[in-house]
Amino acid sequence: MTAIPADPNVLHPMPEQPRVVLLRPLITSPLIEVGEFSYYDDPDDPTAFETRNVLYHYGPERLVIGKFCALGEGVRFIMNGANHRMDGPSTFPFPIMGGSWADHFDLITGLPGRGDTVVGHDVWFGYRTMVMPGVRIGHGAVIASGSVVVDDVPDYGIVGGNPAKLIRRRYDDADIARLLDLAWWDWPIEHLTAHIRTIMSGSVDELEAAAPR
């Protein structure tokens, strides 16, 4: 019998659990890119992810999330639009109040940004984590619940706290290099389907043996 892969274009992969949505078929903003099978879990309204979970996103910076990422309830991405000036006596954004104050809007639009926020593949975000602007999170990383991520996270790193600090890495440098080279998230879907158990619970050696030839 031929194994039939899951469908990356279904909004609710678990119909009996409407709190879980695949993000790729949900996203409409050209400033957000999400890979296949990355999902968000929220008991309130997971379909409002673009407005409730990606905040102050006025552009041009982008949010890029890779494939097979798991986003727990309340994950927030703070984008560069949240920045305020800190080089003068006041941090208050006077121009957005309107009136003649709007004549000074260049004081806001000229703020330096930290660039795109980029999340790799196979990243697990715990409950109510927060990612600050311009952060880059490596493949296979784990972000502990309640963390505030202000700096880049290495591939297969586990971070936690406020501000989030590296707790440990899931594998040693040699195995991380092998995992990045294997890049199972890019395997053809039929081949990946045939090796789900190895991808989820096998060793790096077993994953290497299962790789497409």
C-alpha atoms as a PDB file:
ATOM      1  CA  MET A   1       0.000   0.000   0.000  1.00  0.00           C
ATOM      2  CA  THR A   2       1.369   3.437  -0.959  1.00  0.00           C
ATOM      3  CA  ALA A   3       1.829   5.826   1.959  1.00  0.00           C
ATOM      4  CA  ILE A   4      -0.052   9.084   1.387  1.00  0.00           C
ATOM      5  CA  PRO A   5       1.785  12.123   2.779  1.00  0.00           C
ATOM      6  CA  ALA A   6       0.076  14.818   4.822  1.00  0.00           C
ATOM      7  CA  ASP A   7      -1.252  17.812   2.896  1.00  0.00           C
ATOM      8  CA  PRO A   8       0.687  21.073   3.534  1.00  0.00           C
ATOM      9  CA  ASN A   9      -2.165  23.165   2.120  1.00  0.00           C
ATOM     10  CA  VAL A  10      -4.860  22.203   4.645  1.00  0.00           C
ATOM     11  CA  LEU A  11      -5.573  25.004   7.110  1.00  0.00           C
ATOM     12  CA  HIS A  12      -6.618  22.677   9.957  1.00  0.00           C
ATOM     13  CA  PRO A  13      -4.505  19.489   9.795  1.00  0.00           C
ATOM     14  CA  MET A  14      -6.416  18.111  12.807  1.00  0.00           C
ATOM     15  CA  PRO A  15     -10.090  18.865  11.999  1.00  0.00           C
ATOM     16  CA  GLU A  16     -11.148  17.923  15.521  1.00  0.00           C
ATOM     17  CA  GLN A  17      -8.689  20.506  16.910  1.00  0.00           C
ATOM     18  CA  PRO A  18      -9.536  23.884  15.308  1.00  0.00           C
ATOM     19  CA  ARG A  19      -6.960  25.507  17.604  1.00  0.00           C
ATOM     20  CA  VAL A  20      -4.167  24.162  15.331  1.00  0.00           C
ATOM     21  CA  VAL A  21      -3.509  25.811  11.962  1.00  0.00           C
ATOM     22  CA  LEU A  22      -0.882  25.406   9.305  1.00  0.00           C
ATOM     23  CA  LEU A  23       0.506  28.885   8.740  1.00  0.00           C
ATOM     24  CA  ARG A  24       1.483  28.737   5.082  1.00  0.00           C
ATOM     25  CA  PRO A  25      -2.108  28.520   3.728  1.00  0.00           C
ATOM     26  CA  LEU A  26      -3.169  31.186   6.236  1.00  0.00           C
ATOM     27  CA  ILE A  27      -0.634  33.943   5.531  1.00  0.00           C
ATOM     28  CA  THR A  28      -1.595  36.780   3.179  1.00  0.00           C
ATOM     29  CA  SER A  29       1.049  39.420   3.954  1.00  0.00           C
ATOM     30  CA  PRO A  30       3.870  39.740   1.394  1.00  0.00           C
ATOM     31  CA  LEU A  31       6.139  40.562   4.345  1.00  0.00           C
ATOM     32  CA  ILE A  32       5.680  37.115   5.926  1.00  0.00           C
ATOM     33  CA  GLU A  33       7.002  33.855   4.488  1.00  0.00           C
ATOM     34  CA  VAL A  34       6.327  30.481   6.115  1.00  0.00           C
ATOM     35  CA  GLY A  35       7.475  27.047   4.994  1.00  0.00           C
ATOM     36  CA  GLU A  36       5.366  23.931   4.632  1.00  0.00           C
ATOM     37  CA  PHE A  37       3.893  22.236   7.713  1.00  0.00           C
ATOM     38  CA  SER A  38       4.857  24.940  10.194  1.00  0.00           C
ATOM     39  CA  TYR A  39       1.917  25.308  12.573  1.00  0.00           C
ATOM     40  CA  TYR A  40       0.508  27.525  15.303  1.00  0.00           C
ATOM     41  CA  ASP A  41      -1.579  26.320  18.262  1.00  0.00           C
ATOM     42  CA  ASP A  42      -3.982  28.694  20.030  1.00  0.00           C
ATOM     43  CA  PRO A  43      -7.348  27.991  21.719  1.00  0.00           C
ATOM     44  CA  ASP A  44      -8.669  31.490  20.998  1.00  0.00           C
ATOM     45  CA  ASP A  45      -8.184  32.435  17.344  1.00  0.00           C
ATOM     46  CA  PRO A  46      -5.164  30.889  15.620  1.00  0.00           C
ATOM     47  CA  THR A  47      -6.328  32.262  12.273  1.00  0.00           C
ATOM     48  CA  ALA A  48      -5.554  35.806  13.512  1.00  0.00           C
ATOM     49  CA  PHE A  49      -1.835  34.990  13.642  1.00  0.00           C
ATOM     50  CA  GLU A  50      -0.819  37.796  11.271  1.00  0.00           C
ATOM     51  CA  THR A  51      -2.364  40.521  13.416  1.00  0.00           C
ATOM     52  CA  ARG A  52      -2.168  39.071  16.939  1.00  0.00           C
ATOM     53  CA  ASN A  53       1.224  37.380  16.815  1.00  0.00           C
ATOM     54  CA  VAL A  54       3.262  39.507  14.400  1.00  0.00           C
ATOM     55  CA  LEU A  55       3.298  42.961  15.953  1.00  0.00           C
ATOM     56  CA  TYR A  56       4.334  46.430  14.702  1.00  0.00           C
ATOM     57  CA  HIS A  57       4.977  44.995  11.239  1.00  0.00           C
ATOM     58  CA  TYR A  58       4.960  48.016   8.984  1.00  0.00           C
ATOM     59  CA  GLY A  59       7.837  46.907   6.755  1.00  0.00           C
ATOM     60  CA  PRO A  60      10.042  46.709   4.859  1.00  0.00           C
ATOM     61  CA  GLU A  61      11.602  44.069   7.125  1.00  0.00           C
ATOM     62  CA  ARG A  62      10.274  40.547   6.647  1.00  0.00           C
ATOM     63  CA  LEU A  63       9.437  37.659   8.930  1.00  0.00           C
ATOM     64  CA  VAL A  64      10.677  34.360   7.484  1.00  0.00           C
ATOM     65  CA  ILE A  65       9.780  31.055   9.171  1.00  0.00           C
ATOM     66  CA  GLY A  66      11.087  27.770   7.826  1.00  0.00           C
ATOM     67  CA  LYS A  67       9.434  24.390   7.360  1.00  0.00           C
ATOM     68  CA  PHE A  68       8.244  22.042  10.120  1.00  0.00           C
ATOM     69  CA  CYS A  69       8.270  24.662  12.893  1.00  0.00           C
ATOM     70  CA  ALA A  70       6.025  24.274  15.936  1.00  0.00           C
ATOM     71  CA  LEU A  71       4.716  27.505  17.466  1.00  0.00           C
ATOM     72  CA  GLY A  72       3.053  27.198  20.860  1.00  0.00           C
ATOM     73  CA  GLU A  73       0.231  29.380  22.116  1.00  0.00           C
ATOM     74  CA  GLY A  74       1.016  33.062  22.477  1.00  0.00           C
ATOM     75  CA  VAL A  75       4.267  33.177  20.496  1.00  0.00           C
ATOM     76  CA  ARG A  76       4.906  36.792  19.497  1.00  0.00           C
ATOM     77  CA  PHE A  77       7.230  38.302  16.928  1.00  0.00           C
ATOM     78  CA  ILE A  78       8.021  41.959  17.639  1.00  0.00           C
ATOM     79  CA  MET A  79       9.057  43.695  14.433  1.00  0.00           C
ATOM     80  CA  ASN A  80      11.137  46.806  13.819  1.00  0.00           C
ATOM     81  CA  GLY A  81       8.083  49.088  13.792  1.00  0.00           C
ATOM     82  CA  ALA A  82       8.060  48.860  17.589  1.00  0.00           C
ATOM     83  CA  ASN A  83      11.320  50.822  17.863  1.00  0.00           C
ATOM     84  CA  HIS A  84      11.413  54.262  19.493  1.00  0.00           C
ATOM     85  CA  ARG A  85      14.188  56.818  19.394  1.00  0.00           C
ATOM     86  CA  MET A  86      16.569  56.702  22.337  1.00  0.00           C
ATOM     87  CA  ASP A  87      19.142  59.252  21.202  1.00  0.00           C
ATOM     88  CA  GLY A  88      17.287  62.287  22.577  1.00  0.00           C
ATOM     89  CA  PRO A  89      15.757  63.296  25.906  1.00  0.00           C
ATOM     90  CA  SER A  90      12.385  61.612  25.157  1.00  0.00           C
ATOM     91  CA  THR A  91      11.466  58.243  23.663  1.00  0.00           C
ATOM     92  CA  PHE A  92       7.842  59.335  22.992  1.00  0.00           C
ATOM     93  CA  PRO A  93       6.781  59.062  19.293  1.00  0.00           C
ATOM     94  CA  PHE A  94       5.230  62.554  19.011  1.00  0.00           C
ATOM     95  CA  PRO A  95       4.669  62.534  15.196  1.00  0.00           C
ATOM     96  CA  ILE A  96       2.163  59.650  15.274  1.00  0.00           C
ATOM     97  CA  MET A  97      -0.207  61.814  17.345  1.00  0.00           C
ATOM     98  CA  GLY A  98      -0.993  63.904  14.244  1.00  0.00           C
ATOM     99  CA  GLY A  99      -1.540  67.595  13.797  1.00  0.00           C
ATOM    100  CA  SER A 100       1.551  69.662  13.117  1.00  0.00           C
ATOM    101  CA  TRP A 101       3.560  67.065  15.039  1.00  0.00           C
ATOM    102  CA  ALA A 102       3.266  64.846  11.951  1.00  0.00           C
ATOM    103  CA  ASP A 103       5.645  67.238  10.160  1.00  0.00           C
ATOM    104  CA  HIS A 104       8.430  65.513  12.086  1.00  0.00           C
ATOM    105  CA  PHE A 105       7.608  61.993  10.891  1.00  0.00           C
ATOM    106  CA  ASP A 106      11.143  61.607   9.538  1.00  0.00           C
ATOM    107  CA  LEU A 107      12.258  61.246  13.158  1.00  0.00           C
ATOM    108  CA  ILE A 108      10.411  57.900  13.153  1.00  0.00           C
ATOM    109  CA  THR A 109      10.847  56.669   9.599  1.00  0.00           C
ATOM    110  CA  GLY A 110      14.576  57.287   9.839  1.00  0.00           C
ATOM    111  CA  LEU A 111      15.057  54.873  12.720  1.00  0.00           C
ATOM    112  CA  PRO A 112      17.636  52.152  12.038  1.00  0.00           C
ATOM    113  CA  GLY A 113      16.233  48.610  11.840  1.00  0.00           C
ATOM    114  CA  ARG A 114      17.824  45.277  12.638  1.00  0.00           C
ATOM    115  CA  GLY A 115      16.720  43.693   9.363  1.00  0.00           C
ATOM    116  CA  ASP A 116      14.594  40.623   8.718  1.00  0.00           C
ATOM    117  CA  THR A 117      13.608  38.200  11.464  1.00  0.00           C
ATOM    118  CA  VAL A 118      14.555  34.726  10.214  1.00  0.00           C
ATOM    119  CA  VAL A 119      13.605  31.374  11.736  1.00  0.00           C
ATOM    120  CA  GLY A 120      15.192  28.192  10.395  1.00  0.00           C
ATOM    121  CA  HIS A 121      13.566  24.809   9.837  1.00  0.00           C
ATOM    122  CA  ASP A 122      12.351  22.451  12.582  1.00  0.00           C
ATOM    123  CA  VAL A 123      12.283  25.067  15.363  1.00  0.00           C
ATOM    124  CA  TRP A 124      10.094  24.518  18.432  1.00  0.00           C
ATOM    125  CA  PHE A 125       8.715  27.599  20.213  1.00  0.00           C
ATOM    126  CA  GLY A 126       7.326  27.048  23.703  1.00  0.00           C
ATOM    127  CA  TYR A 127       4.289  28.716  25.253  1.00  0.00           C
ATOM    128  CA  ARG A 128       4.298  32.528  25.105  1.00  0.00           C
ATOM    129  CA  THR A 129       7.796  33.063  23.798  1.00  0.00           C
ATOM    130  CA  MET A 130       8.702  36.454  22.358  1.00  0.00           C
ATOM    131  CA  VAL A 131      11.148  37.108  19.520  1.00  0.00           C
ATOM    132  CA  MET A 132      12.584  40.596  19.170  1.00  0.00           C
ATOM    133  CA  PRO A 133      13.330  42.369  15.850  1.00  0.00           C
ATOM    134  CA  GLY A 134      16.073  41.139  13.542  1.00  0.00           C
ATOM    135  CA  VAL A 135      16.798  37.923  15.433  1.00  0.00           C
ATOM    136  CA  ARG A 136      17.988  34.854  13.520  1.00  0.00           C
ATOM    137  CA  ILE A 137      17.112  31.452  14.936  1.00  0.00           C
ATOM    138  CA  GLY A 138      18.982  28.422  13.613  1.00  0.00           C
ATOM    139  CA  HIS A 139      17.649  25.102  12.369  1.00  0.00           C
ATOM    140  CA  GLY A 140      16.547  22.584  14.987  1.00  0.00           C
ATOM    141  CA  ALA A 141      16.524  25.115  17.828  1.00  0.00           C
ATOM    142  CA  VAL A 142      14.254  24.934  20.877  1.00  0.00           C
ATOM    143  CA  ILE A 143      12.938  28.099  22.557  1.00  0.00           C
ATOM    144  CA  ALA A 144      11.767  27.473  26.125  1.00  0.00           C
ATOM    145  CA  SER A 145       8.362  28.696  27.302  1.00  0.00           C
ATOM    146  CA  GLY A 146       8.265  32.355  28.308  1.00  0.00           C
ATOM    147  CA  SER A 147      11.608  33.180  26.724  1.00  0.00           C
ATOM    148  CA  VAL A 148      12.393  36.616  25.302  1.00  0.00           C
ATOM    149  CA  VAL A 149      14.801  36.078  22.412  1.00  0.00           C
ATOM    150  CA  VAL A 150      16.952  39.171  21.885  1.00  0.00           C
ATOM    151  CA  ASP A 151      20.015  37.602  20.238  1.00  0.00           C
ATOM    152  CA  ASP A 152      20.637  35.048  17.509  1.00  0.00           C
ATOM    153  CA  VAL A 153      20.176  31.372  18.406  1.00  0.00           C
ATOM    154  CA  PRO A 154      22.624  28.784  16.991  1.00  0.00           C
ATOM    155  CA  ASP A 155      21.557  25.706  15.059  1.00  0.00           C
ATOM    156  CA  TYR A 156      20.208  23.028  17.433  1.00  0.00           C
ATOM    157  CA  GLY A 157      20.567  25.371  20.405  1.00  0.00           C
ATOM    158  CA  ILE A 158      18.197  25.289  23.378  1.00  0.00           C
ATOM    159  CA  VAL A 159      17.618  28.726  24.886  1.00  0.00           C
ATOM    160  CA  GLY A 160      15.530  30.008  27.771  1.00  0.00           C
ATOM    161  CA  GLY A 161      14.965  32.981  30.038  1.00  0.00           C
ATOM    162  CA  ASN A 162      14.574  36.741  29.764  1.00  0.00           C
ATOM    163  CA  PRO A 163      16.738  37.617  28.000  1.00  0.00           C
ATOM    164  CA  ALA A 164      17.085  34.121  26.549  1.00  0.00           C
ATOM    165  CA  LYS A 165      20.475  32.485  27.067  1.00  0.00           C
ATOM    166  CA  LEU A 166      21.933  29.345  25.528  1.00  0.00           C
ATOM    167  CA  ILE A 167      21.297  26.416  27.871  1.00  0.00           C
ATOM    168  CA  ARG A 168      22.935  23.779  25.713  1.00  0.00           C
ATOM    169  CA  ARG A 169      23.080  22.445  22.182  1.00  0.00           C
ATOM    170  CA  ARG A 170      21.153  19.330  21.254  1.00  0.00           C
ATOM    171  CA  TYR A 171      24.132  17.725  19.489  1.00  0.00           C
ATOM    172  CA  ASP A 172      27.883  18.219  19.310  1.00  0.00           C
ATOM    173  CA  ASP A 173      29.459  20.263  16.534  1.00  0.00           C
ATOM    174  CA  ALA A 174      30.240  17.246  14.354  1.00  0.00           C
ATOM    175  CA  ASP A 175      26.691  15.893  14.473  1.00  0.00           C
ATOM    176  CA  ILE A 176      25.202  19.354  13.903  1.00  0.00           C
ATOM    177  CA  ALA A 177      27.294  19.659  10.756  1.00  0.00           C
ATOM    178  CA  ARG A 178      26.008  16.262   9.605  1.00  0.00           C
ATOM    179  CA  LEU A 179      22.396  17.197  10.351  1.00  0.00           C
ATOM    180  CA  LEU A 180      22.689  20.451   8.427  1.00  0.00           C
ATOM    181  CA  ASP A 181      24.202  18.589   5.504  1.00  0.00           C
ATOM    182  CA  LEU A 182      21.402  15.998   5.575  1.00  0.00           C
ATOM    183  CA  ALA A 183      18.713  18.751   5.705  1.00  0.00           C
ATOM    184  CA  TRP A 184      15.887  16.226   6.058  1.00  0.00           C
ATOM    185  CA  TRP A 185      13.319  19.047   5.736  1.00  0.00           C
ATOM    186  CA  ASP A 186      14.264  19.311   2.050  1.00  0.00           C
ATOM    187  CA  TRP A 187      13.829  15.608   1.299  1.00  0.00           C
ATOM    188  CA  PRO A 188      11.134  14.719  -1.268  1.00  0.00           C
ATOM    189  CA  ILE A 189       7.853  14.369   0.589  1.00  0.00           C
ATOM    190  CA  GLU A 190       7.428  10.724  -0.385  1.00  0.00           C
ATOM    191  CA  HIS A 191      10.909   9.840   0.895  1.00  0.00           C
ATOM    192  CA  LEU A 192      10.357  11.817   4.077  1.00  0.00           C
ATOM    193  CA  THR A 193       7.056  10.007   4.593  1.00  0.00           C
ATOM    194  CA  ALA A 194       8.777   6.647   4.374  1.00  0.00           C
ATOM    195  CA  HIS A 195      11.251   7.613   7.108  1.00  0.00           C
ATOM    196  CA  ILE A 196       9.113   9.497   9.643  1.00  0.00           C
ATOM    197  CA  ARG A 197      10.136   7.200  12.510  1.00  0.00           C
ATOM    198  CA  THR A 198      13.836   7.731  11.836  1.00  0.00           C
ATOM    199  CA  ILE A 199      13.410  11.497  11.568  1.00  0.00           C
ATOM    200  CA  MET A 200      11.510  11.633  14.862  1.00  0.00           C
ATOM    201  CA  SER A 201      13.394   9.119  16.992  1.00  0.00           C
ATOM    202  CA  GLY A 202      16.451   7.817  15.146  1.00  0.00           C
ATOM    203  CA  SER A 203      20.132   8.590  15.600  1.00  0.00           C
ATOM    204  CA  VAL A 204      22.148  10.801  13.305  1.00  0.00           C
ATOM    205  CA  ASP A 205      23.728   7.650  11.865  1.00  0.00           C
ATOM    206  CA  GLU A 206      20.293   6.203  11.128  1.00  0.00           C
ATOM    207  CA  LEU A 207      19.155   9.465   9.538  1.00  0.00           C
ATOM    208  CA  GLU A 208      22.250   9.461   7.356  1.00  0.00           C
ATOM    209  CA  ALA A 209      21.532   5.881   6.276  1.00  0.00           C
ATOM    210  CA  ALA A 210      17.969   6.856   5.374  1.00  0.00           C
ATOM    211  CA  ALA A 211      18.924   9.889   3.274  1.00  0.00           C
ATOM    212  CA  PRO A 212      17.976   9.921  -0.416  1.00  0.00           C
ATOM    213  CA  ARG A 213      20.676   8.596  -2.715  1.00  0.00           C
END
